[in-house]
Amino acid sequence: MDDEKIIEMFFERSEQAIKELDIKYGKLCHKLAYNILGNHFDAEECVNDAYLGAWNAIPPAKPNPLQAYICKIVRNISLNLYYKREAAKRSSAYEIAMSEMEERLPSPNTVEDEIEVRELARIIEDFLETMTAENRVIFMLRYAYSDTYADIAKSGKRGVLEPPARSKRSHLLGLLEPLSQSILNL
């Protein structure tokens, strides 16, 4: 089923929308959550929470593309759980107290922070435009979807990728150097 039909089902408040979303993007969402958390049960919970988040957000949101939208929700929920788990491992009473206080303080983001975020997005977009389509796909799989190099090498069925993706690693890391310099100059 195409994305527009799934979104239309969300707008109609049809529970079938969740089922169709899972059929189309469930495997990708589970893989993304698992790559972040390393635990199938937690990954399943994050994906279910993401589906609930999509249900609550659509409507009024009309995401385009739907895949990026649902993956962003899954990634954010998974990262929040990951950071929560890491925080639970901390034993210092001071660190725990400070993290509790941070949750209740207003956002430290300033206008300057927002400008820097937008500038960073522009730098990354410019950087991606300098890459071949193959390297862009590998870059996104690795850094947006947290795929391992082995998974990327196996995913030749996704289009332009070929098995020597592992050898692309050093090439991609070399390409990241100008990106990191641009970011440092912000």
Protein backbone atom coordinates (compact mmCIF):
# COMPACT_ATOMS: atom_id res chain seq x y z
CA MET A 1 0.00 0.00 0.00
CA ASP A 2 1.36 3.46 -0.79
CA ASP A 3 2.10 6.07 1.87
CA GLU A 4 -0.71 8.41 0.83
CA LYS A 5 -3.32 5.68 1.36
CA ILE A 6 -1.87 4.85 4.79
CA ILE A 7 -1.95 8.54 5.79
CA GLU A 8 -5.51 8.78 4.50
CA MET A 9 -6.41 5.86 6.76
CA PHE A 10 -4.86 7.71 9.72
CA PHE A 11 -7.01 10.73 8.90
CA GLU A 12 -10.07 8.45 8.83
CA ARG A 13 -8.93 7.13 12.25
CA SER A 14 -8.93 3.59 10.90
CA GLU A 15 -6.92 1.17 13.03
CA GLN A 16 -5.99 -0.55 9.78
CA ALA A 17 -3.54 2.36 9.28
CA ILE A 18 -1.32 0.99 12.07
CA LYS A 19 -1.45 -2.50 10.57
CA GLU A 20 -0.52 -1.19 7.12
CA LEU A 21 2.24 0.96 8.60
CA ASP A 22 3.63 -2.12 10.34
CA ILE A 23 3.41 -4.22 7.18
CA LYS A 24 5.24 -1.60 5.15
CA TYR A 25 7.81 -0.25 7.64
CA GLY A 26 7.69 -2.59 10.65
CA LYS A 27 10.80 -4.56 9.77
CA LEU A 28 12.80 -1.36 9.19
CA CYS A 29 11.52 0.17 12.43
CA HIS A 30 12.36 -2.93 14.47
CA LYS A 31 15.84 -3.09 12.96
CA LEU A 32 16.47 0.58 13.70
CA ALA A 33 15.33 0.25 17.32
CA TYR A 34 17.31 -2.97 17.79
CA ASN A 35 20.46 -1.37 16.34
CA ILE A 36 20.22 1.34 19.00
CA LEU A 37 19.11 -0.78 21.96
CA GLY A 38 20.53 -4.25 21.27
CA ASN A 39 17.45 -5.85 22.83
CA HIS A 40 14.50 -7.27 20.87
CA PHE A 41 11.95 -6.75 23.65
CA ASP A 42 12.88 -3.10 24.14
CA ALA A 43 12.94 -2.59 20.38
CA GLU A 44 9.41 -3.98 20.11
CA GLU A 45 8.21 -1.63 22.86
CA CYS A 46 9.79 1.37 21.13
CA VAL A 47 8.19 0.50 17.80
CA ASN A 48 4.79 0.13 19.46
CA ASP A 49 5.27 3.49 21.18
CA ALA A 50 6.22 5.00 17.83
CA TYR A 51 3.03 3.67 16.26
CA LEU A 52 1.06 5.26 19.10
CA GLY A 53 2.98 8.49 18.55
CA ALA A 54 2.13 8.42 14.85
CA TRP A 55 -1.53 7.70 15.67
CA ASN A 56 -1.64 10.72 17.99
CA ALA A 57 0.19 13.02 15.55
CA ILE A 58 -1.62 12.10 12.32
CA PRO A 59 -3.83 14.11 11.91
CA PRO A 60 -3.04 17.00 11.94
CA ALA A 61 0.45 16.11 10.70
CA LYS A 62 0.63 14.88 7.12
CA PRO A 63 4.15 13.46 6.92
CA ASN A 64 5.94 13.23 3.62
CA PRO A 65 7.77 10.92 3.37
CA LEU A 66 6.12 8.59 5.84
CA GLN A 67 9.18 6.32 6.13
CA ALA A 68 11.41 9.13 7.38
CA TYR A 69 8.67 10.32 9.74
CA ILE A 70 8.11 6.96 11.43
CA CYS A 71 11.85 6.22 11.55
CA LYS A 72 12.48 9.55 13.26
CA ILE A 73 9.89 8.72 15.90
CA VAL A 74 11.37 5.24 16.42
CA ARG A 75 14.91 6.63 16.62
CA ASN A 76 13.95 9.31 19.16
CA ILE A 77 12.05 6.89 21.39
CA SER A 78 14.86 4.33 21.17
CA LEU A 79 17.52 6.92 21.98
CA ASN A 80 15.49 8.18 24.94
CA LEU A 81 15.28 4.64 26.30
CA TYR A 82 18.99 4.08 25.62
CA TYR A 83 19.93 7.25 27.52
CA LYS A 84 17.53 6.37 30.34
CA ARG A 85 19.18 2.95 30.64
CA GLU A 86 22.62 4.52 30.66
CA ALA A 87 21.51 6.97 33.34
CA ALA A 88 20.24 4.08 35.45
CA LYS A 89 23.73 2.58 35.37
CA ARG A 90 25.19 5.67 37.02
CA SER A 91 25.69 5.22 40.72
CA SER A 92 26.68 8.70 41.80
CA ALA A 93 23.96 10.33 43.87
CA TYR A 94 25.12 13.67 42.46
CA GLU A 95 24.67 12.57 38.84
CA ILE A 96 21.23 11.17 39.60
CA ALA A 97 20.18 14.36 41.38
CA MET A 98 21.46 16.54 38.54
CA SER A 99 19.66 14.48 35.90
CA GLU A 100 16.42 14.76 37.89
CA MET A 101 16.88 18.52 38.05
CA GLU A 102 17.67 18.77 34.32
CA GLU A 103 14.32 17.18 33.49
CA ARG A 104 12.49 19.98 35.27
CA LEU A 105 14.51 22.97 34.05
CA PRO A 106 13.46 24.96 31.01
CA SER A 107 15.21 24.15 27.78
CA PRO A 108 18.71 25.59 27.64
CA ASN A 109 18.35 26.09 23.87
CA THR A 110 18.77 29.65 22.76
CA VAL A 111 18.15 31.35 19.44
CA GLU A 112 21.85 30.91 18.73
CA ASP A 113 21.54 27.15 19.34
CA GLU A 114 18.66 26.95 16.87
CA ILE A 115 20.68 28.86 14.27
CA GLU A 116 23.62 26.48 14.79
CA VAL A 117 21.34 23.46 14.35
CA ARG A 118 20.04 24.86 11.07
CA GLU A 119 23.56 25.67 9.93
CA LEU A 120 24.67 22.15 10.81
CA ALA A 121 21.77 20.74 8.77
CA ARG A 122 22.83 22.90 5.81
CA ILE A 123 26.46 21.75 6.13
CA ILE A 124 25.41 18.09 6.20
CA GLU A 125 23.11 18.60 3.19
CA ASP A 126 25.95 20.29 1.27
CA PHE A 127 28.26 17.46 2.28
CA LEU A 128 25.82 14.81 1.06
CA GLU A 129 25.46 16.58 -2.28
CA THR A 130 29.18 16.13 -2.90
CA MET A 131 28.88 12.34 -2.55
CA THR A 132 27.91 9.78 -5.13
CA ALA A 133 24.46 8.24 -4.80
CA GLU A 134 26.06 5.01 -3.58
CA ASN A 135 28.04 6.76 -0.84
CA ARG A 136 24.98 8.79 0.20
CA VAL A 137 22.97 5.61 0.65
CA ILE A 138 25.76 3.97 2.64
CA PHE A 139 26.18 7.13 4.75
CA MET A 140 22.46 7.31 5.55
CA LEU A 141 22.19 3.61 6.32
CA ARG A 142 25.14 3.84 8.67
CA TYR A 143 24.48 7.14 10.41
CA ALA A 144 20.71 7.65 10.15
CA TYR A 145 19.55 4.04 10.49
CA SER A 146 22.49 2.74 12.59
CA ASP A 147 23.08 -0.22 10.27
CA THR A 148 26.33 -2.12 10.76
CA TYR A 149 28.77 -2.34 7.87
CA ALA A 150 27.96 -6.04 7.61
CA ASP A 151 24.25 -5.22 7.26
CA ILE A 152 25.00 -2.59 4.64
CA ALA A 153 27.12 -5.06 2.67
CA LYS A 154 24.27 -7.59 2.76
CA SER A 155 21.70 -5.04 1.65
CA GLY A 156 22.70 -4.94 -2.00
CA LYS A 157 19.02 -5.52 -2.74
CA ARG A 158 18.31 -1.93 -1.64
CA GLY A 159 19.70 -0.63 -4.88
CA VAL A 160 23.14 0.76 -5.52
CA LEU A 161 25.06 -1.00 -2.77
CA GLU A 162 27.57 -3.70 -3.50
CA PRO A 163 29.09 -6.17 -1.02
CA PRO A 164 32.41 -4.32 -0.50
CA ALA A 165 30.65 -1.79 1.74
CA ARG A 166 33.18 -2.52 4.50
CA SER A 167 35.95 -1.22 2.24
CA LYS A 168 33.84 1.91 1.74
CA ARG A 169 34.21 2.59 5.46
CA SER A 170 37.67 4.09 5.19
CA HIS A 171 36.57 6.07 2.15
CA LEU A 172 33.52 7.42 4.01
CA LEU A 173 35.59 8.22 7.07
CA GLY A 174 37.93 10.18 4.81
CA LEU A 175 34.97 12.05 3.37
CA LEU A 176 33.82 12.92 6.89
CA GLU A 177 36.98 14.94 7.56
CA PRO A 178 35.84 18.09 5.69
CA LEU A 179 32.40 17.73 7.30
CA SER A 180 33.93 17.65 10.78
CA GLN A 181 36.06 20.70 9.94
CA SER A 182 32.97 22.60 8.79
CA ILE A 183 31.17 21.68 11.99
CA LEU A 184 34.11 22.79 14.13
CA ASN A 185 34.05 26.17 12.39
CA LEU A 186 30.42 26.84 13.47
